Amino acid sequence: MADFVSDIKTIPHGDDKVFAMLSDLSNLERVKDRIPQDKLQNFTFDRDTCSFSVSPVGSVEFKIIEREPNRTIKFETTNSPVPLTMWIQLKQVETNDTKMKMTVRADLNPFIKPMVSKPLQEAVDRISDVLANLPYSE
């Protein structure tokens, strides 16, 4: 197993708003126009799942498997070339100041680990940046 952890991000909103947005994947409707079409294809989502195709990886589907209100959202791949678990941790430190950290745990065999570690870490960093900048007040 290998863990890929984002930097701690600051979101200028309360943990209740952040949790409400991130724990309902249908909220992706608000930002789907920002997703680069050349990177992700066949992007679909509902409250609990999100699926897409990415070249050269193929089809990937995430499902929310656990919600701990205002604290943690845990995802698992149900379709992926590499089994992944991802969780988002939230901690409100002041009224409109929530800290967020994202962790991805991947079941990588020793052969592919050197090839995918850097791209996976970059993906975790990019996704956490996007999540920190979502329009939570809309």
Protein backbone atom coordinates (compact mmCIF):
# COMPACT_ATOMS: atom_id res chain seq x y z
CA MET A 1 0.00 0.00 0.00
CA ALA A 2 1.13 3.50 -0.77
CA ASP A 3 -0.34 6.73 0.61
CA PHE A 4 -0.43 10.02 -1.28
CA VAL A 5 -1.32 12.99 0.91
CA SER A 6 -2.14 16.55 -0.09
CA ASP A 7 -0.93 19.64 1.67
CA ILE A 8 -3.42 21.04 4.16
CA LYS A 9 -5.69 23.48 2.34
CA THR A 10 -7.61 26.38 3.82
CA ILE A 11 -11.21 26.87 2.75
CA PRO A 12 -12.80 30.19 3.80
CA HIS A 13 -16.14 28.60 4.79
CA GLY A 14 -17.57 26.64 7.70
CA ASP A 15 -17.15 22.88 7.80
CA ASP A 16 -20.92 22.40 7.43
CA LYS A 17 -20.95 24.11 4.01
CA VAL A 18 -17.79 22.31 2.88
CA PHE A 19 -19.08 18.92 4.00
CA ALA A 20 -22.50 19.50 2.38
CA MET A 21 -20.82 20.30 -0.95
CA LEU A 22 -18.22 17.52 -0.97
CA SER A 23 -20.39 14.72 0.43
CA ASP A 24 -22.97 15.04 -2.38
CA LEU A 25 -21.33 14.29 -5.72
CA SER A 26 -24.32 15.70 -7.61
CA ASN A 27 -22.84 19.10 -6.67
CA LEU A 28 -20.27 18.44 -9.41
CA GLU A 29 -22.93 19.85 -11.74
CA ARG A 30 -21.79 23.32 -10.57
CA VAL A 31 -18.24 22.83 -11.78
CA LYS A 32 -18.44 20.32 -14.63
CA ASP A 33 -17.77 23.08 -17.18
CA ARG A 34 -14.36 23.60 -15.54
CA ILE A 35 -13.29 20.01 -16.16
CA PRO A 36 -10.94 19.80 -19.14
CA GLN A 37 -12.68 17.71 -21.79
CA ASP A 38 -9.33 16.63 -23.23
CA LYS A 39 -8.41 15.03 -19.88
CA LEU A 40 -11.69 13.41 -18.79
CA GLN A 41 -14.36 11.87 -20.96
CA ASN A 42 -17.74 10.25 -20.22
CA PHE A 43 -18.03 12.18 -16.95
CA THR A 44 -21.15 11.15 -15.01
CA PHE A 45 -22.17 11.50 -11.38
CA ASP A 46 -25.00 11.22 -8.88
CA ARG A 47 -25.18 11.74 -5.12
CA ASP A 48 -22.90 8.78 -4.26
CA THR A 49 -20.86 7.98 -7.37
CA CYS A 50 -18.67 9.64 -9.95
CA SER A 51 -17.29 7.97 -13.06
CA PHE A 52 -15.12 9.07 -15.96
CA SER A 53 -12.65 7.85 -18.53
CA VAL A 54 -9.13 9.16 -18.61
CA SER A 55 -6.55 8.36 -21.24
CA PRO A 56 -4.47 6.16 -21.05
CA VAL A 57 -5.79 4.81 -17.71
CA GLY A 58 -9.32 3.90 -18.83
CA SER A 59 -12.58 3.95 -16.92
CA VAL A 60 -12.62 4.91 -13.23
CA GLU A 61 -15.55 4.98 -10.82
CA PHE A 62 -15.55 6.29 -7.24
CA LYS A 63 -18.27 5.65 -4.70
CA ILE A 64 -18.75 7.33 -1.33
CA ILE A 65 -18.60 4.55 1.25
CA GLU A 66 -18.63 6.59 4.46
CA ARG A 67 -19.74 10.03 5.61
CA GLU A 68 -18.90 11.40 9.05
CA PRO A 69 -20.75 14.75 9.14
CA ASN A 70 -18.48 17.80 8.94
CA ARG A 71 -15.35 15.65 9.40
CA THR A 72 -14.67 12.88 6.87
CA ILE A 73 -15.82 11.65 3.46
CA LYS A 74 -14.41 8.31 2.35
CA PHE A 75 -14.43 7.05 -1.25
CA GLU A 76 -13.51 3.75 -2.83
CA THR A 77 -13.02 2.80 -6.46
CA THR A 78 -15.54 0.32 -7.76
CA ASN A 79 -13.95 0.31 -11.20
CA SER A 80 -10.29 1.21 -11.61
CA PRO A 81 -7.08 -0.25 -13.02
CA VAL A 82 -5.59 0.26 -9.54
CA PRO A 83 -7.65 -0.25 -6.35
CA LEU A 84 -7.86 3.08 -4.49
CA THR A 85 -9.35 4.43 -1.32
CA MET A 86 -9.58 8.19 -0.88
CA TRP A 87 -10.67 10.24 2.05
CA ILE A 88 -11.14 13.93 2.68
CA GLN A 89 -10.67 15.19 6.22
CA LEU A 90 -12.14 18.50 7.40
CA LYS A 91 -11.44 20.49 10.54
CA GLN A 92 -12.99 23.85 11.24
CA VAL A 93 -10.55 26.04 13.19
CA GLU A 94 -12.58 29.26 13.17
CA THR A 95 -16.01 30.40 11.94
CA ASN A 96 -15.11 30.67 8.25
CA ASP A 97 -11.84 28.74 8.29
CA THR A 98 -11.90 25.03 7.52
CA LYS A 99 -8.76 23.00 6.94
CA MET A 100 -8.91 20.16 4.43
CA LYS A 101 -6.55 17.29 3.72
CA MET A 102 -6.97 14.60 1.10
CA THR A 103 -5.34 11.17 1.23
CA VAL A 104 -5.28 8.47 -1.42
CA ARG A 105 -4.25 4.93 -0.53
CA ALA A 106 -3.39 2.79 -3.54
CA ASP A 107 -2.72 -0.91 -3.70
CA LEU A 108 0.35 -0.73 -5.94
CA ASN A 109 2.54 -3.66 -6.76
CA PRO A 110 6.31 -3.04 -6.64
CA PHE A 111 6.57 -3.09 -10.43
CA ILE A 112 4.16 -0.23 -11.16
CA LYS A 113 4.76 1.82 -7.99
CA PRO A 114 7.73 3.77 -9.43
CA MET A 115 5.78 4.55 -12.61
CA VAL A 116 2.56 5.81 -11.02
CA SER A 117 3.70 7.38 -7.74
CA LYS A 118 4.58 10.79 -9.19
CA PRO A 119 1.42 11.11 -11.36
CA LEU A 120 -0.77 9.99 -8.43
CA GLN A 121 0.79 12.55 -6.08
CA GLU A 122 0.34 15.26 -8.73
CA ALA A 123 -3.32 14.24 -9.14
CA VAL A 124 -3.90 14.40 -5.37
CA ASP A 125 -2.31 17.86 -5.26
CA ARG A 126 -4.38 19.16 -8.20
CA ILE A 127 -7.65 17.71 -6.95
CA SER A 128 -7.13 19.14 -3.47
CA ASP A 129 -6.44 22.57 -5.01
CA VAL A 130 -9.67 22.34 -7.01
CA LEU A 131 -11.66 21.23 -3.94
CA ALA A 132 -10.27 24.11 -1.88
CA ASN A 133 -11.44 26.60 -4.52
CA LEU A 134 -14.97 25.32 -5.18
CA PRO A 135 -17.83 27.85 -4.94
CA TYR A 136 -19.06 26.85 -1.47
CA SER A 137 -21.22 29.94 -1.01
CA GLU A 138 -23.49 29.41 -4.05
